Amino acid sequence: MNSELMNITEKILCFPTPARAYLAEILLESLDYEEDFTVSKECLHEINRRCQAIDSGKVKLIPGDAVLKKIGEKYL
């Protein structure tokens, strides 16, 4: 790795977690897949069903940290 990339990496690692997650997402999205992958009709149907349930308010999303805390309380 060149020194400029090392410097950038060191700076980014000092960013708050949400900022690093955002940057990671952007970098992953920037990777160009050589082959497209297919999603089955069943999976697309399930994705749409879940998105509609969220958008309509039929289901309540729970923050990940709350879920992990509850699991920790139950099993640890």
N, C-alpha and C. Protein backbone atom coordinates (compact mmCIF):
# COMPACT_ATOMS: atom_id res chain seq x y z
N MET A 1 0.84 -1.18 0.00
CA MET A 1 0.00 0.00 0.00
C MET A 1 0.88 1.24 0.00
N ASN A 2 0.48 2.23 -0.76
CA ASN A 2 1.30 3.44 -0.79
C ASN A 2 1.02 4.31 0.44
N SER A 3 1.90 5.26 0.70
CA SER A 3 1.81 6.06 1.92
C SER A 3 0.56 6.95 1.95
N GLU A 4 0.14 7.44 0.80
CA GLU A 4 -1.07 8.27 0.76
C GLU A 4 -2.30 7.47 1.20
N LEU A 5 -2.40 6.25 0.71
CA LEU A 5 -3.51 5.39 1.10
C LEU A 5 -3.45 5.04 2.58
N MET A 6 -2.26 4.81 3.09
CA MET A 6 -2.09 4.53 4.52
C MET A 6 -2.54 5.73 5.36
N ASN A 7 -2.17 6.94 4.93
CA ASN A 7 -2.58 8.16 5.64
C ASN A 7 -4.10 8.32 5.64
N ILE A 8 -4.71 8.10 4.50
CA ILE A 8 -6.16 8.19 4.41
C ILE A 8 -6.82 7.16 5.32
N THR A 9 -6.29 5.96 5.29
CA THR A 9 -6.85 4.88 6.13
C THR A 9 -6.76 5.23 7.60
N GLU A 10 -5.62 5.73 8.04
CA GLU A 10 -5.46 6.12 9.44
C GLU A 10 -6.47 7.19 9.84
N LYS A 11 -6.68 8.18 8.96
CA LYS A 11 -7.64 9.24 9.26
C LYS A 11 -9.06 8.70 9.33
N ILE A 12 -9.41 7.85 8.38
CA ILE A 12 -10.76 7.30 8.35
C ILE A 12 -11.04 6.46 9.58
N LEU A 13 -10.06 5.72 10.06
CA LEU A 13 -10.26 4.88 11.23
C LEU A 13 -10.53 5.70 12.49
N CYS A 14 -10.26 6.99 12.47
CA CYS A 14 -10.55 7.87 13.59
C CYS A 14 -11.97 8.43 13.52
N PHE A 15 -12.66 8.25 12.41
CA PHE A 15 -14.01 8.74 12.26
C PHE A 15 -14.95 7.98 13.19
N PRO A 16 -16.08 8.57 13.55
CA PRO A 16 -17.09 7.86 14.34
C PRO A 16 -17.63 6.66 13.56
N THR A 17 -18.13 5.69 14.28
CA THR A 17 -18.63 4.46 13.66
C THR A 17 -19.63 4.71 12.54
N PRO A 18 -20.64 5.56 12.72
CA PRO A 18 -21.59 5.77 11.62
C PRO A 18 -20.93 6.31 10.35
N ALA A 19 -19.96 7.18 10.51
CA ALA A 19 -19.25 7.72 9.33
C ALA A 19 -18.46 6.63 8.64
N ARG A 20 -17.80 5.77 9.41
CA ARG A 20 -17.03 4.67 8.80
C ARG A 20 -17.97 3.69 8.09
N ALA A 21 -19.13 3.43 8.69
CA ALA A 21 -20.10 2.52 8.07
C ALA A 21 -20.60 3.11 6.75
N TYR A 22 -20.85 4.41 6.74
CA TYR A 22 -21.30 5.08 5.52
C TYR A 22 -20.23 4.96 4.43
N LEU A 23 -18.99 5.24 4.80
CA LEU A 23 -17.90 5.14 3.82
C LEU A 23 -17.74 3.71 3.30
N ALA A 24 -17.86 2.74 4.20
CA ALA A 24 -17.74 1.34 3.79
C ALA A 24 -18.84 0.99 2.79
N GLU A 25 -20.05 1.47 3.05
CA GLU A 25 -21.17 1.20 2.14
C GLU A 25 -20.91 1.81 0.77
N ILE A 26 -20.46 3.04 0.76
CA ILE A 26 -20.18 3.72 -0.51
C ILE A 26 -19.07 2.99 -1.27
N LEU A 27 -18.02 2.58 -0.57
CA LEU A 27 -16.93 1.87 -1.24
C LEU A 27 -17.39 0.53 -1.79
N LEU A 28 -18.18 -0.21 -1.02
CA LEU A 28 -18.68 -1.49 -1.51
C LEU A 28 -19.58 -1.32 -2.72
N GLU A 29 -20.41 -0.28 -2.69
CA GLU A 29 -21.29 -0.03 -3.84
C GLU A 29 -20.49 0.36 -5.08
N SER A 30 -19.31 0.93 -4.87
CA SER A 30 -18.51 1.37 -6.01
C SER A 30 -17.83 0.21 -6.73
N LEU A 31 -17.76 -0.94 -6.08
CA LEU A 31 -17.14 -2.09 -6.73
C LEU A 31 -18.05 -2.57 -7.84
N ASP A 32 -17.48 -2.81 -8.97
CA ASP A 32 -18.26 -3.22 -10.13
C ASP A 32 -18.19 -4.73 -10.26
N TYR A 33 -19.31 -5.38 -10.13
CA TYR A 33 -19.34 -6.83 -10.31
C TYR A 33 -19.21 -7.16 -11.78
N GLU A 34 -18.40 -8.16 -12.07
CA GLU A 34 -18.23 -8.56 -13.46
C GLU A 34 -19.46 -9.30 -13.96
N GLU A 35 -20.10 -10.03 -13.05
CA GLU A 35 -21.28 -10.78 -13.43
C GLU A 35 -22.46 -10.31 -12.60
N ASP A 36 -23.58 -10.12 -13.24
CA ASP A 36 -24.79 -9.81 -12.50
C ASP A 36 -25.27 -11.08 -11.82
N PHE A 37 -25.86 -10.93 -10.67
CA PHE A 37 -26.42 -12.10 -10.01
C PHE A 37 -27.94 -11.99 -10.09
N THR A 38 -28.58 -13.12 -10.11
CA THR A 38 -30.03 -13.12 -10.22
C THR A 38 -30.66 -13.39 -8.87
N VAL A 39 -31.81 -12.81 -8.67
CA VAL A 39 -32.59 -13.03 -7.47
C VAL A 39 -33.86 -13.73 -7.90
N SER A 40 -34.19 -14.81 -7.21
CA SER A 40 -35.37 -15.57 -7.59
C SER A 40 -36.64 -14.75 -7.40
N LYS A 41 -37.69 -15.14 -8.10
CA LYS A 41 -38.98 -14.46 -7.96
C LYS A 41 -39.48 -14.54 -6.52
N GLU A 42 -39.23 -15.68 -5.88
CA GLU A 42 -39.67 -15.86 -4.50
C GLU A 42 -38.98 -14.86 -3.57
N CYS A 43 -37.67 -14.67 -3.76
CA CYS A 43 -36.93 -13.72 -2.93
C CYS A 43 -37.40 -12.30 -3.18
N LEU A 44 -37.61 -11.94 -4.44
CA LEU A 44 -38.10 -10.60 -4.76
C LEU A 44 -39.47 -10.36 -4.14
N HIS A 45 -40.32 -11.38 -4.18
CA HIS A 45 -41.65 -11.27 -3.57
C HIS A 45 -41.52 -11.03 -2.06
N GLU A 46 -40.65 -11.78 -1.42
CA GLU A 46 -40.46 -11.64 0.02
C GLU A 46 -39.86 -10.27 0.37
N ILE A 47 -38.92 -9.82 -0.41
CA ILE A 47 -38.33 -8.48 -0.19
C ILE A 47 -39.43 -7.42 -0.29
N ASN A 48 -40.23 -7.49 -1.33
CA ASN A 48 -41.31 -6.52 -1.51
C ASN A 48 -42.33 -6.60 -0.38
N ARG A 49 -42.67 -7.81 0.04
CA ARG A 49 -43.64 -8.00 1.12
C ARG A 49 -43.13 -7.35 2.41
N ARG A 50 -41.86 -7.58 2.73
CA ARG A 50 -41.29 -7.02 3.94
C ARG A 50 -41.17 -5.50 3.87
N CYS A 51 -40.78 -4.99 2.72
CA CYS A 51 -40.70 -3.52 2.56
C CYS A 51 -42.07 -2.89 2.72
N GLN A 52 -43.10 -3.50 2.15
CA GLN A 52 -44.45 -2.97 2.29
C GLN A 52 -44.91 -3.01 3.74
N ALA A 53 -44.57 -4.08 4.45
CA ALA A 53 -44.95 -4.19 5.86
C ALA A 53 -44.27 -3.09 6.69
N ILE A 54 -43.04 -2.78 6.37
CA ILE A 54 -42.32 -1.71 7.07
C ILE A 54 -42.93 -0.36 6.71
N ASP A 55 -43.13 -0.12 5.41
CA ASP A 55 -43.65 1.17 4.95
C ASP A 55 -45.05 1.45 5.48
N SER A 56 -45.86 0.40 5.61
CA SER A 56 -47.24 0.59 6.06
C SER A 56 -47.35 0.68 7.58
N GLY A 57 -46.26 0.37 8.28
CA GLY A 57 -46.29 0.42 9.75
C GLY A 57 -46.80 -0.86 10.38
N LYS A 58 -47.00 -1.91 9.59
CA LYS A 58 -47.48 -3.19 10.14
C LYS A 58 -46.44 -3.84 11.05
N VAL A 59 -45.19 -3.58 10.78
CA VAL A 59 -44.12 -4.11 11.63
C VAL A 59 -43.32 -2.95 12.20
N LYS A 60 -42.77 -3.18 13.36
CA LYS A 60 -41.96 -2.16 14.02
C LYS A 60 -40.50 -2.61 13.97
N LEU A 61 -39.64 -1.76 13.43
CA LEU A 61 -38.22 -2.08 13.39
C LEU A 61 -37.61 -1.82 14.76
N ILE A 62 -36.67 -2.67 15.13
CA ILE A 62 -35.98 -2.56 16.41
C ILE A 62 -34.51 -2.29 16.12
N PRO A 63 -33.93 -1.26 16.75
CA PRO A 63 -32.51 -0.98 16.52
C PRO A 63 -31.64 -2.19 16.90
N GLY A 64 -30.59 -2.41 16.12
CA GLY A 64 -29.72 -3.55 16.36
C GLY A 64 -29.12 -3.59 17.74
N ASP A 65 -28.72 -2.43 18.28
CA ASP A 65 -28.13 -2.43 19.62
C ASP A 65 -29.13 -2.87 20.68
N ALA A 66 -30.42 -2.54 20.49
CA ALA A 66 -31.44 -2.98 21.43
C ALA A 66 -31.63 -4.49 21.36
N VAL A 67 -31.59 -5.04 20.17
CA VAL A 67 -31.72 -6.49 19.99
C VAL A 67 -30.54 -7.21 20.66
N LEU A 68 -29.33 -6.71 20.40
CA LEU A 68 -28.14 -7.34 20.98
C LEU A 68 -28.17 -7.27 22.50
N LYS A 69 -28.64 -6.16 23.05
CA LYS A 69 -28.74 -6.01 24.50
C LYS A 69 -29.71 -7.04 25.07
N LYS A 70 -30.85 -7.18 24.43
CA LYS A 70 -31.86 -8.13 24.89
C LYS A 70 -31.34 -9.57 24.81
N ILE A 71 -30.65 -9.90 23.75
CA ILE A 71 -30.06 -11.23 23.61
C ILE A 71 -29.03 -11.45 24.70
N GLY A 72 -28.19 -10.45 24.94
CA GLY A 72 -27.18 -10.56 25.98
C GLY A 72 -27.80 -10.77 27.35
N GLU A 73 -28.87 -10.07 27.64
CA GLU A 73 -29.56 -10.23 28.92
C GLU A 73 -30.15 -11.62 29.07
N LYS A 74 -30.62 -12.16 27.98
CA LYS A 74 -31.27 -13.46 28.03
C LYS A 74 -30.28 -14.62 28.09
N TYR A 75 -29.19 -14.53 27.35
CA TYR A 75 -28.30 -15.68 27.20
C TYR A 75 -26.94 -15.53 27.89
N LEU A 76 -26.58 -14.35 28.31
CA LEU A 76 -25.25 -14.20 28.93
C LEU A 76 -25.35 -14.03 30.42
